[in-house]
Amino acid sequence: MHDNEILLSNLEKIHTTEMGINRIKRNLGLDTEDVIEWCRAKIQRPDCSIIKQGKNYYATIDDCIITVNSYSYTIITAHKVKRK
């Protein structure tokens, strides 16, 4: 199974902490109540690029990167892609 298939098959396990919710909202400028659902929706889009490096998955979509721990499925952070 490829990295993206593993993450997508475990979408229901994706979660984060209260601090994680606040960090994601701040980093992405989100005004949504359900940050976890927002992230899940982004990750399952067909144009989302998912790679696994070390212990984390990196899901890149719409100029943002969502970092998910590959063991616990905790969203660690999300931030905007820095353009050069």
C-alpha atoms as a PDB file:
ATOM      1  CA  MET A   1       0.000   0.000   0.000  1.00  0.00           C
ATOM      2  CA  HIS A   2       1.344   3.463  -0.892  1.00  0.00           C
ATOM      3  CA  ASP A   3       1.791   6.227   1.687  1.00  0.00           C
ATOM      4  CA  ASN A   4      -1.211   8.194   0.459  1.00  0.00           C
ATOM      5  CA  GLU A   5      -3.424   5.074   0.553  1.00  0.00           C
ATOM      6  CA  ILE A   6      -2.423   4.353   4.152  1.00  0.00           C
ATOM      7  CA  LEU A   7      -3.217   7.897   5.285  1.00  0.00           C
ATOM      8  CA  LEU A   8      -6.485   8.003   3.338  1.00  0.00           C
ATOM      9  CA  SER A   9      -7.612   4.665   4.746  1.00  0.00           C
ATOM     10  CA  ASN A  10      -7.107   6.043   8.270  1.00  0.00           C
ATOM     11  CA  LEU A  11      -8.813   9.441   7.843  1.00  0.00           C
ATOM     12  CA  GLU A  12     -11.221   8.747  10.717  1.00  0.00           C
ATOM     13  CA  LYS A  13      -8.224   8.451  13.089  1.00  0.00           C
ATOM     14  CA  ILE A  14      -6.920  11.927  12.293  1.00  0.00           C
ATOM     15  CA  HIS A  15      -7.140  14.226  15.290  1.00  0.00           C
ATOM     16  CA  THR A  16      -5.217  17.012  17.025  1.00  0.00           C
ATOM     17  CA  THR A  17      -4.894  18.757  20.360  1.00  0.00           C
ATOM     18  CA  GLU A  18      -6.438  22.039  21.455  1.00  0.00           C
ATOM     19  CA  MET A  19      -3.031  23.666  20.987  1.00  0.00           C
ATOM     20  CA  GLY A  20      -2.847  22.096  17.534  1.00  0.00           C
ATOM     21  CA  ILE A  21      -6.229  23.552  16.583  1.00  0.00           C
ATOM     22  CA  ASN A  22      -5.121  27.027  17.654  1.00  0.00           C
ATOM     23  CA  ARG A  23      -1.768  26.702  15.839  1.00  0.00           C
ATOM     24  CA  ILE A  24      -3.419  25.545  12.586  1.00  0.00           C
ATOM     25  CA  LYS A  25      -6.013  28.338  12.711  1.00  0.00           C
ATOM     26  CA  ARG A  26      -3.287  30.923  13.318  1.00  0.00           C
ATOM     27  CA  ASN A  27      -0.853  29.576  10.692  1.00  0.00           C
ATOM     28  CA  LEU A  28      -3.468  29.289   7.940  1.00  0.00           C
ATOM     29  CA  GLY A  29      -5.718  32.179   8.955  1.00  0.00           C
ATOM     30  CA  LEU A  30      -8.718  29.848   9.237  1.00  0.00           C
ATOM     31  CA  ASP A  31     -12.102  30.952  10.519  1.00  0.00           C
ATOM     32  CA  THR A  32     -13.655  27.514  10.813  1.00  0.00           C
ATOM     33  CA  GLU A  33     -14.883  25.787  13.955  1.00  0.00           C
ATOM     34  CA  ASP A  34     -13.970  22.245  12.856  1.00  0.00           C
ATOM     35  CA  VAL A  35     -10.297  22.361  11.929  1.00  0.00           C
ATOM     36  CA  ILE A  36     -10.009  18.570  11.908  1.00  0.00           C
ATOM     37  CA  GLU A  37     -12.799  18.174   9.333  1.00  0.00           C
ATOM     38  CA  TRP A  38     -11.276  21.006   7.285  1.00  0.00           C
ATOM     39  CA  CYS A  39      -7.936  19.158   7.231  1.00  0.00           C
ATOM     40  CA  ARG A  40      -9.557  15.788   6.445  1.00  0.00           C
ATOM     41  CA  ALA A  41     -11.446  17.338   3.523  1.00  0.00           C
ATOM     42  CA  LYS A  42      -8.215  18.812   2.141  1.00  0.00           C
ATOM     43  CA  ILE A  43      -6.278  15.548   2.570  1.00  0.00           C
ATOM     44  CA  GLN A  44      -8.871  13.452   0.713  1.00  0.00           C
ATOM     45  CA  ARG A  45      -9.034  15.721  -2.332  1.00  0.00           C
ATOM     46  CA  PRO A  46      -7.610  14.035  -5.444  1.00  0.00           C
ATOM     47  CA  ASP A  47      -5.203  16.928  -6.079  1.00  0.00           C
ATOM     48  CA  CYS A  48      -3.600  16.575  -2.629  1.00  0.00           C
ATOM     49  CA  SER A  49       0.012  15.385  -2.745  1.00  0.00           C
ATOM     50  CA  ILE A  50       0.886  13.091   0.176  1.00  0.00           C
ATOM     51  CA  ILE A  51       4.417  11.994   1.019  1.00  0.00           C
ATOM     52  CA  LYS A  52       5.838  10.256   4.060  1.00  0.00           C
ATOM     53  CA  GLN A  53       9.189  11.387   5.400  1.00  0.00           C
ATOM     54  CA  GLY A  54      10.405   9.740   8.580  1.00  0.00           C
ATOM     55  CA  LYS A  55       7.575   9.590  11.102  1.00  0.00           C
ATOM     56  CA  ASN A  56       5.321  12.162   9.414  1.00  0.00           C
ATOM     57  CA  TYR A  57       3.006  12.476   6.456  1.00  0.00           C
ATOM     58  CA  TYR A  58       3.072  15.784   4.579  1.00  0.00           C
ATOM     59  CA  ALA A  59      -0.111  16.595   2.684  1.00  0.00           C
ATOM     60  CA  THR A  60       0.318  19.520   0.289  1.00  0.00           C
ATOM     61  CA  ILE A  61      -2.783  21.203  -1.147  1.00  0.00           C
ATOM     62  CA  ASP A  62      -3.842  24.762  -2.039  1.00  0.00           C
ATOM     63  CA  ASP A  63      -0.531  26.338  -0.983  1.00  0.00           C
ATOM     64  CA  CYS A  64      -0.583  24.723   2.458  1.00  0.00           C
ATOM     65  CA  ILE A  65       1.163  21.748   4.033  1.00  0.00           C
ATOM     66  CA  ILE A  66      -0.578  19.653   6.690  1.00  0.00           C
ATOM     67  CA  THR A  67       1.800  17.586   8.848  1.00  0.00           C
ATOM     68  CA  VAL A  68       0.360  14.372  10.334  1.00  0.00           C
ATOM     69  CA  ASN A  69       2.210  11.937  12.612  1.00  0.00           C
ATOM     70  CA  SER A  70       2.202   8.535  10.880  1.00  0.00           C
ATOM     71  CA  TYR A  71       1.831   6.506  14.088  1.00  0.00           C
ATOM     72  CA  SER A  72      -0.803   8.439  16.052  1.00  0.00           C
ATOM     73  CA  TYR A  73      -2.497  10.272  13.126  1.00  0.00           C
ATOM     74  CA  THR A  74      -2.208  13.513  15.107  1.00  0.00           C
ATOM     75  CA  ILE A  75      -2.148  16.678  13.025  1.00  0.00           C
ATOM     76  CA  ILE A  76       1.020  18.300  14.309  1.00  0.00           C
ATOM     77  CA  THR A  77       0.788  21.540  12.375  1.00  0.00           C
ATOM     78  CA  ALA A  78      -0.208  23.128   9.100  1.00  0.00           C
ATOM     79  CA  HIS A  79       1.334  26.091   7.419  1.00  0.00           C
ATOM     80  CA  LYS A  80       1.339  28.000   4.167  1.00  0.00           C
ATOM     81  CA  VAL A  81       3.877  27.057   1.524  1.00  0.00           C
ATOM     82  CA  LYS A  82       6.671  29.598   1.407  1.00  0.00           C
ATOM     83  CA  ARG A  83       7.101  30.854  -2.148  1.00  0.00           C
ATOM     84  CA  LYS A  84      10.514  31.947  -3.341  1.00  0.00           C
END
